[in-house]
PDB file of N, CA and C in Angstrom:
ATOM      1  N   MET A   1    -169.563  33.422 -69.659  1.00  0.00           N
ATOM      2  CA  MET A   1    -168.565  32.448 -69.263  1.00  0.00           C
ATOM      3  C   MET A   1    -167.765  32.998 -68.081  1.00  0.00           C
ATOM      4  N   LYS A   2    -167.559  32.191 -67.099  1.00  0.00           N
ATOM      5  CA  LYS A   2    -166.794  32.570 -65.922  1.00  0.00           C
ATOM      6  C   LYS A   2    -165.295  32.541 -66.243  1.00  0.00           C
ATOM      7  N   ARG A   3    -164.564  33.493 -65.668  1.00  0.00           N
ATOM      8  CA  ARG A   3    -163.117  33.518 -65.870  1.00  0.00           C
ATOM      9  C   ARG A   3    -162.487  32.276 -65.259  1.00  0.00           C
ATOM     10  N   GLN A   4    -161.591  31.675 -66.019  1.00  0.00           N
ATOM     11  CA  GLN A   4    -160.941  30.449 -65.583  1.00  0.00           C
ATOM     12  C   GLN A   4    -159.524  30.682 -65.072  1.00  0.00           C
ATOM     13  N   ILE A   5    -158.895  31.795 -65.469  1.00  0.00           N
ATOM     14  CA  ILE A   5    -157.558  32.115 -64.968  1.00  0.00           C
ATOM     15  C   ILE A   5    -157.556  33.554 -64.454  1.00  0.00           C
ATOM     16  N   THR A   6    -156.694  33.812 -63.514  1.00  0.00           N
ATOM     17  CA  THR A   6    -156.600  35.139 -62.914  1.00  0.00           C
ATOM     18  C   THR A   6    -155.882  36.114 -63.845  1.00  0.00           C
ATOM     19  N   LYS A   7    -156.021  37.388 -63.535  1.00  0.00           N
ATOM     20  CA  LYS A   7    -155.335  38.417 -64.302  1.00  0.00           C
ATOM     21  C   LYS A   7    -153.824  38.217 -64.215  1.00  0.00           C
ATOM     22  N   LYS A   8    -153.347  37.858 -63.033  1.00  0.00           N
ATOM     23  CA  LYS A   8    -151.917  37.640 -62.823  1.00  0.00           C
ATOM     24  C   LYS A   8    -151.392  36.504 -63.716  1.00  0.00           C
ATOM     25  N   ALA A   9    -152.114  35.404 -63.766  1.00  0.00           N
ATOM     26  CA  ALA A   9    -151.711  34.268 -64.608  1.00  0.00           C
ATOM     27  C   ALA A   9    -151.772  34.643 -66.088  1.00  0.00           C
ATOM     28  N   PHE A  10    -152.825  35.365 -66.476  1.00  0.00           N
ATOM     29  CA  PHE A  10    -152.985  35.820 -67.857  1.00  0.00           C
ATOM     30  C   PHE A  10    -151.791  36.676 -68.266  1.00  0.00           C
ATOM     31  N   GLU A  11    -151.460  37.659 -67.437  1.00  0.00           N
ATOM     32  CA  GLU A  11    -150.356  38.562 -67.749  1.00  0.00           C
ATOM     33  C   GLU A  11    -149.017  37.836 -67.792  1.00  0.00           C
ATOM     34  N   LYS A  12    -148.821  36.874 -66.906  1.00  0.00           N
ATOM     35  CA  LYS A  12    -147.582  36.092 -66.893  1.00  0.00           C
ATOM     36  C   LYS A  12    -147.419  35.310 -68.198  1.00  0.00           C
ATOM     37  N   GLU A  13    -148.483  34.669 -68.634  1.00  0.00           N
ATOM     38  CA  GLU A  13    -148.427  33.872 -69.864  1.00  0.00           C
ATOM     39  C   GLU A  13    -148.239  34.760 -71.096  1.00  0.00           C
ATOM     40  N   ILE A  14    -148.888  35.908 -71.109  1.00  0.00           N
ATOM     41  CA  ILE A  14    -148.741  36.841 -72.219  1.00  0.00           C
ATOM     42  C   ILE A  14    -147.302  37.349 -72.296  1.00  0.00           C
ATOM     43  N   LYS A  15    -146.726  37.665 -71.152  1.00  0.00           N
ATOM     44  CA  LYS A  15    -145.329  38.131 -71.120  1.00  0.00           C
ATOM     45  C   LYS A  15    -144.383  37.049 -71.640  1.00  0.00           C
ATOM     46  N   MET A  16    -144.684  35.806 -71.331  1.00  0.00           N
ATOM     47  CA  MET A  16    -143.868  34.711 -71.829  1.00  0.00           C
ATOM     48  C   MET A  16    -143.961  34.643 -73.356  1.00  0.00           C
ATOM     49  N   CYS A  17    -145.154  34.818 -73.889  1.00  0.00           N
ATOM     50  CA  CYS A  17    -145.329  34.823 -75.344  1.00  0.00           C
ATOM     51  C   CYS A  17    -144.539  35.970 -75.971  1.00  0.00           C
ATOM     52  N   GLU A  18    -144.640  37.149 -75.387  1.00  0.00           N
ATOM     53  CA  GLU A  18    -143.906  38.309 -75.903  1.00  0.00           C
ATOM     54  C   GLU A  18    -142.402  38.052 -75.900  1.00  0.00           C
ATOM     55  N   LYS A  19    -141.910  37.534 -74.793  1.00  0.00           N
ATOM     56  CA  LYS A  19    -140.476  37.278 -74.647  1.00  0.00           C
ATOM     57  C   LYS A  19    -139.985  36.264 -75.680  1.00  0.00           C
ATOM     58  N   LEU A  20    -140.693  35.146 -75.793  1.00  0.00           N
ATOM     59  CA  LEU A  20    -140.285  34.110 -76.747  1.00  0.00           C
ATOM     60  C   LEU A  20    -140.396  34.597 -78.181  1.00  0.00           C
ATOM     61  N   ALA A  21    -141.420  35.379 -78.481  1.00  0.00           N
ATOM     62  CA  ALA A  21    -141.590  35.911 -79.838  1.00  0.00           C
ATOM     63  C   ALA A  21    -140.403  36.778 -80.226  1.00  0.00           C
ATOM     64  N   LYS A  22    -139.932  37.590 -79.281  1.00  0.00           N
ATOM     65  CA  LYS A  22    -138.781  38.457 -79.560  1.00  0.00           C
ATOM     66  C   LYS A  22    -137.496  37.650 -79.671  1.00  0.00           C
ATOM     67  N   GLU A  23    -137.273  36.765 -78.707  1.00  0.00           N
ATOM     68  CA  GLU A  23    -136.032  35.985 -78.678  1.00  0.00           C
ATOM     69  C   GLU A  23    -135.913  35.030 -79.855  1.00  0.00           C
ATOM     70  N   LYS A  24    -137.011  34.424 -80.221  1.00  0.00           N
ATOM     71  CA  LYS A  24    -136.998  33.390 -81.264  1.00  0.00           C
ATOM     72  C   LYS A  24    -137.493  33.882 -82.613  1.00  0.00           C
ATOM     73  N   LYS A  25    -137.667  35.204 -82.718  1.00  0.00           N
ATOM     74  CA  LYS A  25    -138.103  35.829 -83.978  1.00  0.00           C
ATOM     75  C   LYS A  25    -139.419  35.245 -84.504  1.00  0.00           C
ATOM     76  N   GLY A  26    -140.424  35.238 -83.634  1.00  0.00           N
ATOM     77  CA  GLY A  26    -141.758  34.824 -84.060  1.00  0.00           C
ATOM     78  C   GLY A  26    -142.040  33.335 -83.956  1.00  0.00           C
ATOM     79  N   LYS A  27    -141.218  32.629 -83.200  1.00  0.00           N
ATOM     80  CA  LYS A  27    -141.419  31.191 -83.034  1.00  0.00           C
ATOM     81  C   LYS A  27    -141.179  30.806 -81.582  1.00  0.00           C
ATOM     82  N   CYS A  28    -141.729  29.688 -81.187  1.00  0.00           N
ATOM     83  CA  CYS A  28    -141.393  29.093 -79.893  1.00  0.00           C
ATOM     84  C   CYS A  28    -141.590  27.587 -80.032  1.00  0.00           C
ATOM     85  N   GLY A  29    -141.567  26.874 -78.935  1.00  0.00           N
ATOM     86  CA  GLY A  29    -141.716  25.426 -78.975  1.00  0.00           C
ATOM     87  C   GLY A  29    -143.063  24.959 -79.509  1.00  0.00           C
ATOM     88  N   TRP A  30    -144.040  25.843 -79.494  1.00  0.00           N
ATOM     89  CA  TRP A  30    -145.379  25.490 -79.974  1.00  0.00           C
ATOM     90  C   TRP A  30    -145.536  25.724 -81.464  1.00  0.00           C
ATOM     91  N   GLY A  31    -144.660  26.534 -82.051  1.00  0.00           N
ATOM     92  CA  GLY A  31    -144.756  26.823 -83.479  1.00  0.00           C
ATOM     93  C   GLY A  31    -144.565  28.300 -83.754  1.00  0.00           C
ATOM     94  N   LYS A  32    -145.130  28.765 -84.864  1.00  0.00           N
ATOM     95  CA  LYS A  32    -145.012  30.169 -85.274  1.00  0.00           C
ATOM     96  C   LYS A  32    -146.117  30.996 -84.632  1.00  0.00           C
ATOM     97  N   CYS A  33    -145.742  32.175 -84.180  1.00  0.00           N
ATOM     98  CA  CYS A  33    -146.695  33.062 -83.504  1.00  0.00           C
ATOM     99  C   CYS A  33    -147.916  33.374 -84.373  1.00  0.00           C
ATOM    100  N   LYS A  34    -147.690  33.572 -85.662  1.00  0.00           N
ATOM    101  CA  LYS A  34    -148.809  33.941 -86.534  1.00  0.00           C
ATOM    102  C   LYS A  34    -149.865  32.827 -86.640  1.00  0.00           C
ATOM    103  N   ASP A  35    -149.474  31.590 -86.384  1.00  0.00           N
ATOM    104  CA  ASP A  35    -150.391  30.463 -86.476  1.00  0.00           C
ATOM    105  C   ASP A  35    -150.844  29.937 -85.111  1.00  0.00           C
ATOM    106  N   CYS A  36    -150.318  30.522 -84.057  1.00  0.00           N
ATOM    107  CA  CYS A  36    -150.521  30.004 -82.706  1.00  0.00           C
ATOM    108  C   CYS A  36    -151.925  30.291 -82.173  1.00  0.00           C
ATOM    109  N   GLY A  37    -152.415  29.380 -81.357  1.00  0.00           N
ATOM    110  CA  GLY A  37    -153.729  29.534 -80.741  1.00  0.00           C
ATOM    111  C   GLY A  37    -153.666  29.884 -79.268  1.00  0.00           C
ATOM    112  N   VAL A  38    -152.469  30.139 -78.745  1.00  0.00           N
ATOM    113  CA  VAL A  38    -152.334  30.423 -77.317  1.00  0.00           C
ATOM    114  C   VAL A  38    -153.009  31.740 -76.939  1.00  0.00           C
ATOM    115  N   ILE A  39    -152.785  32.794 -77.702  1.00  0.00           N
ATOM    116  CA  ILE A  39    -153.371  34.095 -77.377  1.00  0.00           C
ATOM    117  C   ILE A  39    -154.904  34.015 -77.337  1.00  0.00           C
ATOM    118  N   PRO A  40    -155.553  33.463 -78.349  1.00  0.00           N
ATOM    119  CA  PRO A  40    -157.019  33.353 -78.263  1.00  0.00           C
ATOM    120  C   PRO A  40    -157.481  32.492 -77.087  1.00  0.00           C
ATOM    121  N   LEU A  41    -156.742  31.443 -76.784  1.00  0.00           N
ATOM    122  CA  LEU A  41    -157.102  30.581 -75.659  1.00  0.00           C
ATOM    123  C   LEU A  41    -156.975  31.336 -74.338  1.00  0.00           C
ATOM    124  N   LEU A  42    -155.867  32.033 -74.147  1.00  0.00           N
ATOM    125  CA  LEU A  42    -155.676  32.809 -72.920  1.00  0.00           C
ATOM    126  C   LEU A  42    -156.749  33.886 -72.798  1.00  0.00           C
ATOM    127  N   TYR A  43    -157.066  34.533 -73.902  1.00  0.00           N
ATOM    128  CA  TYR A  43    -158.087  35.571 -73.912  1.00  0.00           C
ATOM    129  C   TYR A  43    -159.434  34.985 -73.475  1.00  0.00           C
ATOM    130  N   LYS A  44    -159.770  33.821 -74.009  1.00  0.00           N
ATOM    131  CA  LYS A  44    -161.023  33.157 -73.648  1.00  0.00           C
ATOM    132  C   LYS A  44    -161.042  32.791 -72.159  1.00  0.00           C
ATOM    133  N   LEU A  45    -159.956  32.232 -71.678  1.00  0.00           N
ATOM    134  CA  LEU A  45    -159.900  31.790 -70.288  1.00  0.00           C
ATOM    135  C   LEU A  45    -159.909  32.948 -69.296  1.00  0.00           C
ATOM    136  N   HIS A  46    -159.325  34.079 -69.676  1.00  0.00           N
ATOM    137  CA  HIS A  46    -159.284  35.212 -68.746  1.00  0.00           C
ATOM    138  C   HIS A  46    -160.457  36.175 -68.928  1.00  0.00           C
ATOM    139  N   LYS A  47    -160.719  36.557 -70.156  1.00  0.00           N
ATOM    140  CA  LYS A  47    -161.759  37.552 -70.423  1.00  0.00           C
ATOM    141  C   LYS A  47    -163.145  36.940 -70.526  1.00  0.00           C
ATOM    142  N   GLY A  48    -163.191  35.630 -70.799  1.00  0.00           N
ATOM    143  CA  GLY A  48    -164.483  34.970 -70.951  1.00  0.00           C
ATOM    144  C   GLY A  48    -165.122  35.218 -72.306  1.00  0.00           C
ATOM    145  N   LYS A  49    -164.321  35.657 -73.271  1.00  0.00           N
ATOM    146  CA  LYS A  49    -164.827  35.937 -74.613  1.00  0.00           C
ATOM    147  C   LYS A  49    -164.088  35.078 -75.626  1.00  0.00           C
ATOM    148  N   LEU A  50    -164.844  34.422 -76.470  1.00  0.00           N
ATOM    149  CA  LEU A  50    -164.260  33.581 -77.510  1.00  0.00           C
ATOM    150  C   LEU A  50    -163.982  34.424 -78.750  1.00  0.00           C
ATOM    151  N   LEU A  51    -162.744  34.411 -79.184  1.00  0.00           N
ATOM    152  CA  LEU A  51    -162.361  35.095 -80.419  1.00  0.00           C
ATOM    153  C   LEU A  51    -162.502  34.081 -81.555  1.00  0.00           C
ATOM    154  N   GLU A  52    -163.452  34.329 -82.437  1.00  0.00           N
ATOM    155  CA  GLU A  52    -163.728  33.370 -83.506  1.00  0.00           C
ATOM    156  C   GLU A  52    -163.301  33.845 -84.887  1.00  0.00           C
ATOM    157  N   LYS A  53    -163.460  35.122 -85.149  1.00  0.00           N
ATOM    158  CA  LYS A  53    -163.164  35.647 -86.477  1.00  0.00           C
ATOM    159  C   LYS A  53    -161.667  35.895 -86.623  1.00  0.00           C
ATOM    160  N   SER A  54    -161.163  35.643 -87.808  1.00  0.00           N
ATOM    161  CA  SER A  54    -159.734  35.822 -88.081  1.00  0.00           C
ATOM    162  C   SER A  54    -159.272  37.239 -87.756  1.00  0.00           C
ATOM    163  N   ALA A  55    -160.103  38.216 -88.059  1.00  0.00           N
ATOM    164  CA  ALA A  55    -159.742  39.615 -87.805  1.00  0.00           C
ATOM    165  C   ALA A  55    -159.604  39.879 -86.305  1.00  0.00           C
ATOM    166  N   GLU A  56    -160.483  39.295 -85.503  1.00  0.00           N
ATOM    167  CA  GLU A  56    -160.420  39.457 -84.042  1.00  0.00           C
ATOM    168  C   GLU A  56    -159.134  38.836 -83.489  1.00  0.00           C
ATOM    169  N   ILE A  57    -158.820  37.666 -83.964  1.00  0.00           N
ATOM    170  CA  ILE A  57    -157.625  36.951 -83.500  1.00  0.00           C
ATOM    171  C   ILE A  57    -156.368  37.718 -83.898  1.00  0.00           C
ATOM    172  N   LYS A  58    -156.319  38.167 -85.136  1.00  0.00           N
ATOM    173  CA  LYS A  58    -155.165  38.919 -85.636  1.00  0.00           C
ATOM    174  C   LYS A  58    -154.973  40.194 -84.817  1.00  0.00           C
ATOM    175  N   LYS A  59    -156.057  40.905 -84.549  1.00  0.00           N
ATOM    176  CA  LYS A  59    -155.991  42.149 -83.778  1.00  0.00           C
ATOM    177  C   LYS A  59    -155.470  41.887 -82.363  1.00  0.00           C
ATOM    178  N   ALA A  60    -155.960  40.836 -81.722  1.00  0.00           N
ATOM    179  CA  ALA A  60    -155.513  40.487 -80.365  1.00  0.00           C
ATOM    180  C   ALA A  60    -154.031  40.134 -80.364  1.00  0.00           C
ATOM    181  N   LYS A  61    -153.590  39.361 -81.339  1.00  0.00           N
ATOM    182  CA  LYS A  61    -152.171  38.985 -81.418  1.00  0.00           C
ATOM    183  C   LYS A  61    -151.294  40.201 -81.670  1.00  0.00           C
ATOM    184  N   GLU A  62    -151.715  41.084 -82.563  1.00  0.00           N
ATOM    185  CA  GLU A  62    -150.925  42.271 -82.867  1.00  0.00           C
ATOM    186  C   GLU A  62    -150.821  43.186 -81.651  1.00  0.00           C
ATOM    187  N   LYS A  63    -151.878  43.251 -80.867  1.00  0.00           N
ATOM    188  CA  LYS A  63    -151.893  44.094 -79.676  1.00  0.00           C
ATOM    189  C   LYS A  63    -150.938  43.538 -78.616  1.00  0.00           C
ATOM    190  N   ILE A  64    -150.867  42.236 -78.521  1.00  0.00           N
ATOM    191  CA  ILE A  64    -150.095  41.585 -77.462  1.00  0.00           C
ATOM    192  C   ILE A  64    -148.662  41.306 -77.877  1.00  0.00           C
ATOM    193  N   ILE A  65    -148.471  40.746 -79.058  1.00  0.00           N
ATOM    194  CA  ILE A  65    -147.128  40.356 -79.507  1.00  0.00           C
ATOM    195  C   ILE A  65    -146.660  41.304 -80.594  1.00  0.00           C
ATOM    196  N   LYS A  66    -145.649  42.077 -80.261  1.00  0.00           N
ATOM    197  CA  LYS A  66    -145.075  43.036 -81.211  1.00  0.00           C
ATOM    198  C   LYS A  66    -143.724  42.511 -81.651  1.00  0.00           C
ATOM    199  N   ILE A  67    -143.717  41.886 -82.786  1.00  0.00           N
ATOM    200  CA  ILE A  67    -142.485  41.257 -83.296  1.00  0.00           C
ATOM    201  C   ILE A  67    -141.770  42.239 -84.218  1.00  0.00           C
TER     202      ILE A  67
END
């Protein structure tokens, strides 16, 4: 799969998730971080890899969002 977003855009969106997770204690306008699909979507669009298994998604979220 070809990358759909640049590294710069990926990092900007991830930083926004981190910031909102800290400020809102694990929530934002989209819902709760633990249930959110933004991280897997961004990962797919930037890295070109689909995260399908719950363990993969959880690991990616824990690596990116430290609440």
